[in-house]
Amino acid sequence: MAESFVKTMKRDYVAFVPKPDAQTAARNLAIAFEHYNEQHPHSALNYRSPREFRCNGLINLTV
């Protein structure tokens, strides 16, 4: 699972964001993590984002 995450981060985010200096690279990496958790669909989660999956899971547990 971790290998898949690293591959996705490299392929979909790191390769495309500007990295002129360490501070910018760190800021853009934080933005990439947020996008990955909020919007990136995952096949293992039935094509939902991790955050959506967690929120729906919590709702289903409370019903």
PDB file of N, CA and C in Angstrom:
ATOM      1  N   MET A   1       0.827  -1.190   0.000  1.00  0.00           N
ATOM      2  CA  MET A   1       0.000   0.000   0.000  1.00  0.00           C
ATOM      3  C   MET A   1       0.873   1.257   0.000  1.00  0.00           C
ATOM      4  N   ALA A   2       1.932   1.271   0.792  1.00  0.00           N
ATOM      5  CA  ALA A   2       2.807   2.441   0.830  1.00  0.00           C
ATOM      6  C   ALA A   2       3.483   2.658  -0.516  1.00  0.00           C
ATOM      7  N   GLU A   3       3.854   1.572  -1.189  1.00  0.00           N
ATOM      8  CA  GLU A   3       4.486   1.706  -2.499  1.00  0.00           C
ATOM      9  C   GLU A   3       3.536   2.353  -3.501  1.00  0.00           C
ATOM     10  N   SER A   4       2.272   2.001  -3.435  1.00  0.00           N
ATOM     11  CA  SER A   4       1.275   2.590  -4.322  1.00  0.00           C
ATOM     12  C   SER A   4       1.125   4.083  -4.042  1.00  0.00           C
ATOM     13  N   PHE A   5       1.121   4.451  -2.768  1.00  0.00           N
ATOM     14  CA  PHE A   5       1.010   5.858  -2.380  1.00  0.00           C
ATOM     15  C   PHE A   5       2.190   6.658  -2.927  1.00  0.00           C
ATOM     16  N   VAL A   6       3.400   6.137  -2.731  1.00  0.00           N
ATOM     17  CA  VAL A   6       4.602   6.839  -3.201  1.00  0.00           C
ATOM     18  C   VAL A   6       4.577   6.978  -4.720  1.00  0.00           C
ATOM     19  N   LYS A   7       4.200   5.922  -5.410  1.00  0.00           N
ATOM     20  CA  LYS A   7       4.115   5.970  -6.874  1.00  0.00           C
ATOM     21  C   LYS A   7       3.119   7.036  -7.327  1.00  0.00           C
ATOM     22  N   THR A   8       1.954   7.078  -6.684  1.00  0.00           N
ATOM     23  CA  THR A   8       0.934   8.070  -7.034  1.00  0.00           C
ATOM     24  C   THR A   8       1.433   9.482  -6.766  1.00  0.00           C
ATOM     25  N   MET A   9       2.068   9.697  -5.621  1.00  0.00           N
ATOM     26  CA  MET A   9       2.582  11.031  -5.301  1.00  0.00           C
ATOM     27  C   MET A   9       3.614  11.472  -6.334  1.00  0.00           C
ATOM     28  N   LYS A  10       4.526  10.579  -6.690  1.00  0.00           N
ATOM     29  CA  LYS A  10       5.549  10.931  -7.678  1.00  0.00           C
ATOM     30  C   LYS A  10       4.933  11.197  -9.048  1.00  0.00           C
ATOM     31  N   ARG A  11       4.040  10.313  -9.478  1.00  0.00           N
ATOM     32  CA  ARG A  11       3.466  10.393 -10.825  1.00  0.00           C
ATOM     33  C   ARG A  11       2.503  11.572 -10.972  1.00  0.00           C
ATOM     34  N   ASP A  12       1.630  11.772  -9.992  1.00  0.00           N
ATOM     35  CA  ASP A  12       0.548  12.748 -10.145  1.00  0.00           C
ATOM     36  C   ASP A  12       0.844  14.120  -9.556  1.00  0.00           C
ATOM     37  N   TYR A  13       1.802  14.215  -8.660  1.00  0.00           N
ATOM     38  CA  TYR A  13       2.029  15.488  -7.983  1.00  0.00           C
ATOM     39  C   TYR A  13       3.464  15.993  -8.109  1.00  0.00           C
ATOM     40  N   VAL A  14       4.411  15.247  -7.591  1.00  0.00           N
ATOM     41  CA  VAL A  14       5.792  15.726  -7.514  1.00  0.00           C
ATOM     42  C   VAL A  14       6.354  16.065  -8.892  1.00  0.00           C
ATOM     43  N   ALA A  15       6.019  15.281  -9.879  1.00  0.00           N
ATOM     44  CA  ALA A  15       6.547  15.516 -11.224  1.00  0.00           C
ATOM     45  C   ALA A  15       6.055  16.832 -11.830  1.00  0.00           C
ATOM     46  N   PHE A  16       4.956  17.379 -11.324  1.00  0.00           N
ATOM     47  CA  PHE A  16       4.339  18.544 -11.960  1.00  0.00           C
ATOM     48  C   PHE A  16       4.411  19.840 -11.160  1.00  0.00           C
ATOM     49  N   VAL A  17       4.741  19.775  -9.886  1.00  0.00           N
ATOM     50  CA  VAL A  17       4.741  21.001  -9.083  1.00  0.00           C
ATOM     51  C   VAL A  17       6.112  21.676  -9.149  1.00  0.00           C
ATOM     52  N   PRO A  18       6.129  23.000  -9.107  1.00  0.00           N
ATOM     53  CA  PRO A  18       7.409  23.706  -9.126  1.00  0.00           C
ATOM     54  C   PRO A  18       8.181  23.463  -7.827  1.00  0.00           C
ATOM     55  N   LYS A  19       9.506  23.355  -7.965  1.00  0.00           N
ATOM     56  CA  LYS A  19      10.365  23.115  -6.808  1.00  0.00           C
ATOM     57  C   LYS A  19      11.594  24.031  -6.864  1.00  0.00           C
ATOM     58  N   PRO A  20      11.398  25.339  -6.887  1.00  0.00           N
ATOM     59  CA  PRO A  20      12.558  26.225  -7.010  1.00  0.00           C
ATOM     60  C   PRO A  20      13.438  26.255  -5.759  1.00  0.00           C
ATOM     61  N   ASP A  21      12.847  25.972  -4.604  1.00  0.00           N
ATOM     62  CA  ASP A  21      13.614  25.945  -3.359  1.00  0.00           C
ATOM     63  C   ASP A  21      12.910  25.008  -2.374  1.00  0.00           C
ATOM     64  N   ALA A  22      13.573  24.707  -1.268  1.00  0.00           N
ATOM     65  CA  ALA A  22      13.045  23.736  -0.298  1.00  0.00           C
ATOM     66  C   ALA A  22      11.728  24.196   0.315  1.00  0.00           C
ATOM     67  N   GLN A  23      11.606  25.476   0.614  1.00  0.00           N
ATOM     68  CA  GLN A  23      10.383  25.990   1.229  1.00  0.00           C
ATOM     69  C   GLN A  23       9.187  25.841   0.283  1.00  0.00           C
ATOM     70  N   THR A  24       9.367  26.169  -0.966  1.00  0.00           N
ATOM     71  CA  THR A  24       8.293  26.017  -1.955  1.00  0.00           C
ATOM     72  C   THR A  24       7.954  24.552  -2.164  1.00  0.00           C
ATOM     73  N   ALA A  25       8.964  23.709  -2.232  1.00  0.00           N
ATOM     74  CA  ALA A  25       8.735  22.273  -2.407  1.00  0.00           C
ATOM     75  C   ALA A  25       7.930  21.710  -1.243  1.00  0.00           C
ATOM     76  N   ALA A  26       8.268  22.092  -0.019  1.00  0.00           N
ATOM     77  CA  ALA A  26       7.537  21.608   1.158  1.00  0.00           C
ATOM     78  C   ALA A  26       6.091  22.101   1.142  1.00  0.00           C
ATOM     79  N   ARG A  27       5.883  23.362   0.778  1.00  0.00           N
ATOM     80  CA  ARG A  27       4.529  23.917   0.719  1.00  0.00           C
ATOM     81  C   ARG A  27       3.700  23.193  -0.352  1.00  0.00           C
ATOM     82  N   ASN A  28       4.290  22.962  -1.513  1.00  0.00           N
ATOM     83  CA  ASN A  28       3.571  22.269  -2.584  1.00  0.00           C
ATOM     84  C   ASN A  28       3.302  20.812  -2.237  1.00  0.00           C
ATOM     85  N   LEU A  29       4.198  20.193  -1.496  1.00  0.00           N
ATOM     86  CA  LEU A  29       3.973  18.816  -1.068  1.00  0.00           C
ATOM     87  C   LEU A  29       2.795  18.752  -0.098  1.00  0.00           C
ATOM     88  N   ALA A  30       2.686  19.720   0.793  1.00  0.00           N
ATOM     89  CA  ALA A  30       1.542  19.772   1.713  1.00  0.00           C
ATOM     90  C   ALA A  30       0.234  19.932   0.935  1.00  0.00           C
ATOM     91  N   ILE A  31       0.243  20.749  -0.093  1.00  0.00           N
ATOM     92  CA  ILE A  31      -0.945  20.923  -0.939  1.00  0.00           C
ATOM     93  C   ILE A  31      -1.277  19.616  -1.652  1.00  0.00           C
ATOM     94  N   ALA A  32      -0.255  18.908  -2.117  1.00  0.00           N
ATOM     95  CA  ALA A  32      -0.469  17.625  -2.797  1.00  0.00           C
ATOM     96  C   ALA A  32      -1.083  16.603  -1.848  1.00  0.00           C
ATOM     97  N   PHE A  33      -0.597  16.539  -0.607  1.00  0.00           N
ATOM     98  CA  PHE A  33      -1.169  15.615   0.379  1.00  0.00           C
ATOM     99  C   PHE A  33      -2.641  15.929   0.625  1.00  0.00           C
ATOM    100  N   GLU A  34      -2.950  17.202   0.741  1.00  0.00           N
ATOM    101  CA  GLU A  34      -4.338  17.605   0.976  1.00  0.00           C
ATOM    102  C   GLU A  34      -5.224  17.191  -0.201  1.00  0.00           C
ATOM    103  N   HIS A  35      -4.768  17.438  -1.408  1.00  0.00           N
ATOM    104  CA  HIS A  35      -5.536  17.047  -2.594  1.00  0.00           C
ATOM    105  C   HIS A  35      -5.710  15.536  -2.640  1.00  0.00           C
ATOM    106  N   TYR A  36      -4.643  14.798  -2.352  1.00  0.00           N
ATOM    107  CA  TYR A  36      -4.687  13.333  -2.363  1.00  0.00           C
ATOM    108  C   TYR A  36      -5.761  12.824  -1.399  1.00  0.00           C
ATOM    109  N   ASN A  37      -5.831  13.414  -0.220  1.00  0.00           N
ATOM    110  CA  ASN A  37      -6.795  12.960   0.787  1.00  0.00           C
ATOM    111  C   ASN A  37      -8.210  13.466   0.545  1.00  0.00           C
ATOM    112  N   GLU A  38      -8.348  14.623  -0.089  1.00  0.00           N
ATOM    113  CA  GLU A  38      -9.665  15.231  -0.287  1.00  0.00           C
ATOM    114  C   GLU A  38     -10.330  14.859  -1.609  1.00  0.00           C
ATOM    115  N   GLN A  39      -9.547  14.747  -2.691  1.00  0.00           N
ATOM    116  CA  GLN A  39     -10.156  14.654  -4.013  1.00  0.00           C
ATOM    117  C   GLN A  39      -9.711  13.472  -4.855  1.00  0.00           C
ATOM    118  N   HIS A  40      -8.567  12.899  -4.574  1.00  0.00           N
ATOM    119  CA  HIS A  40      -8.027  11.828  -5.422  1.00  0.00           C
ATOM    120  C   HIS A  40      -8.818  10.536  -5.230  1.00  0.00           C
ATOM    121  N   PRO A  41      -9.462  10.011  -6.287  1.00  0.00           N
ATOM    122  CA  PRO A  41     -10.238   8.772  -6.138  1.00  0.00           C
ATOM    123  C   PRO A  41      -9.321   7.553  -6.018  1.00  0.00           C
ATOM    124  N   HIS A  42      -9.730   6.609  -5.187  1.00  0.00           N
ATOM    125  CA  HIS A  42      -8.953   5.395  -4.946  1.00  0.00           C
ATOM    126  C   HIS A  42      -9.800   4.183  -5.298  1.00  0.00           C
ATOM    127  N   SER A  43      -9.265   3.321  -6.130  1.00  0.00           N
ATOM    128  CA  SER A  43     -10.028   2.136  -6.547  1.00  0.00           C
ATOM    129  C   SER A  43     -10.356   1.240  -5.356  1.00  0.00           C
ATOM    130  N   ALA A  44      -9.447   1.128  -4.395  1.00  0.00           N
ATOM    131  CA  ALA A  44      -9.688   0.277  -3.226  1.00  0.00           C
ATOM    132  C   ALA A  44     -10.798   0.830  -2.330  1.00  0.00           C
ATOM    133  N   LEU A  45     -11.115   2.113  -2.487  1.00  0.00           N
ATOM    134  CA  LEU A  45     -12.161   2.747  -1.676  1.00  0.00           C
ATOM    135  C   LEU A  45     -13.411   2.997  -2.514  1.00  0.00           C
ATOM    136  N   ASN A  46     -13.584   2.193  -3.539  1.00  0.00           N
ATOM    137  CA  ASN A  46     -14.736   2.315  -4.432  1.00  0.00           C
ATOM    138  C   ASN A  46     -14.754   3.686  -5.118  1.00  0.00           C
ATOM    139  N   TYR A  47     -13.559   4.143  -5.504  1.00  0.00           N
ATOM    140  CA  TYR A  47     -13.353   5.405  -6.219  1.00  0.00           C
ATOM    141  C   TYR A  47     -13.825   6.630  -5.440  1.00  0.00           C
ATOM    142  N   ARG A  48     -13.617   6.577  -4.147  1.00  0.00           N
ATOM    143  CA  ARG A  48     -13.844   7.744  -3.285  1.00  0.00           C
ATOM    144  C   ARG A  48     -12.502   8.212  -2.744  1.00  0.00           C
ATOM    145  N   SER A  49     -12.446   9.431  -2.270  1.00  0.00           N
ATOM    146  CA  SER A  49     -11.220   9.931  -1.651  1.00  0.00           C
ATOM    147  C   SER A  49     -11.113   9.339  -0.245  1.00  0.00           C
ATOM    148  N   PRO A  50      -9.909   9.299   0.331  1.00  0.00           N
ATOM    149  CA  PRO A  50      -9.774   8.765   1.687  1.00  0.00           C
ATOM    150  C   PRO A  50     -10.650   9.504   2.707  1.00  0.00           C
ATOM    151  N   ARG A  51     -10.705  10.824   2.598  1.00  0.00           N
ATOM    152  CA  ARG A  51     -11.502  11.581   3.558  1.00  0.00           C
ATOM    153  C   ARG A  51     -12.985  11.282   3.397  1.00  0.00           C
ATOM    154  N   GLU A  52     -13.445  11.184   2.156  1.00  0.00           N
ATOM    155  CA  GLU A  52     -14.847  10.850   1.897  1.00  0.00           C
ATOM    156  C   GLU A  52     -15.165   9.459   2.442  1.00  0.00           C
ATOM    157  N   PHE A  53     -14.256   8.523   2.231  1.00  0.00           N
ATOM    158  CA  PHE A  53     -14.448   7.164   2.723  1.00  0.00           C
ATOM    159  C   PHE A  53     -14.560   7.152   4.247  1.00  0.00           C
ATOM    160  N   ARG A  54     -13.664   7.887   4.918  1.00  0.00           N
ATOM    161  CA  ARG A  54     -13.700   7.940   6.383  1.00  0.00           C
ATOM    162  C   ARG A  54     -14.975   8.594   6.887  1.00  0.00           C
ATOM    163  N   CYS A  55     -15.376   9.692   6.282  1.00  0.00           N
ATOM    164  CA  CYS A  55     -16.595  10.383   6.721  1.00  0.00           C
ATOM    165  C   CYS A  55     -17.822   9.506   6.520  1.00  0.00           C
ATOM    166  N   ASN A  56     -17.930   8.863   5.371  1.00  0.00           N
ATOM    167  CA  ASN A  56     -19.069   7.981   5.119  1.00  0.00           C
ATOM    168  C   ASN A  56     -19.049   6.785   6.046  1.00  0.00           C
ATOM    169  N   GLY A  57     -17.865   6.281   6.345  1.00  0.00           N
ATOM    170  CA  GLY A  57     -17.749   5.158   7.265  1.00  0.00           C
ATOM    171  C   GLY A  57     -18.231   5.523   8.654  1.00  0.00           C
ATOM    172  N   LEU A  58     -17.878   6.733   9.105  1.00  0.00           N
ATOM    173  CA  LEU A  58     -18.319   7.183  10.422  1.00  0.00           C
ATOM    174  C   LEU A  58     -19.823   7.389  10.450  1.00  0.00           C
ATOM    175  N   ILE A  59     -20.379   7.915   9.363  1.00  0.00           N
ATOM    176  CA  ILE A  59     -21.828   8.104   9.290  1.00  0.00           C
ATOM    177  C   ILE A  59     -22.524   6.753   9.341  1.00  0.00           C
ATOM    178  N   ASN A  60     -22.008   5.784   8.589  1.00  0.00           N
ATOM    179  CA  ASN A  60     -22.609   4.455   8.575  1.00  0.00           C
ATOM    180  C   ASN A  60     -22.514   3.771   9.932  1.00  0.00           C
ATOM    181  N   LEU A  61     -21.460   4.042  10.687  1.00  0.00           N
ATOM    182  CA  LEU A  61     -21.315   3.438  12.007  1.00  0.00           C
ATOM    183  C   LEU A  61     -22.293   4.029  13.014  1.00  0.00           C
ATOM    184  N   THR A  62     -22.660   5.301  12.824  1.00  0.00           N
ATOM    185  CA  THR A  62     -23.539   5.958  13.784  1.00  0.00           C
ATOM    186  C   THR A  62     -25.008   5.727  13.487  1.00  0.00           C
ATOM    187  N   VAL A  63     -25.330   5.205  12.327  1.00  0.00           N
ATOM    188  CA  VAL A  63     -26.736   4.989  11.954  1.00  0.00           C
ATOM    189  C   VAL A  63     -27.237   3.704  12.546  1.00  0.00           C
TER     190      VAL A  63
END
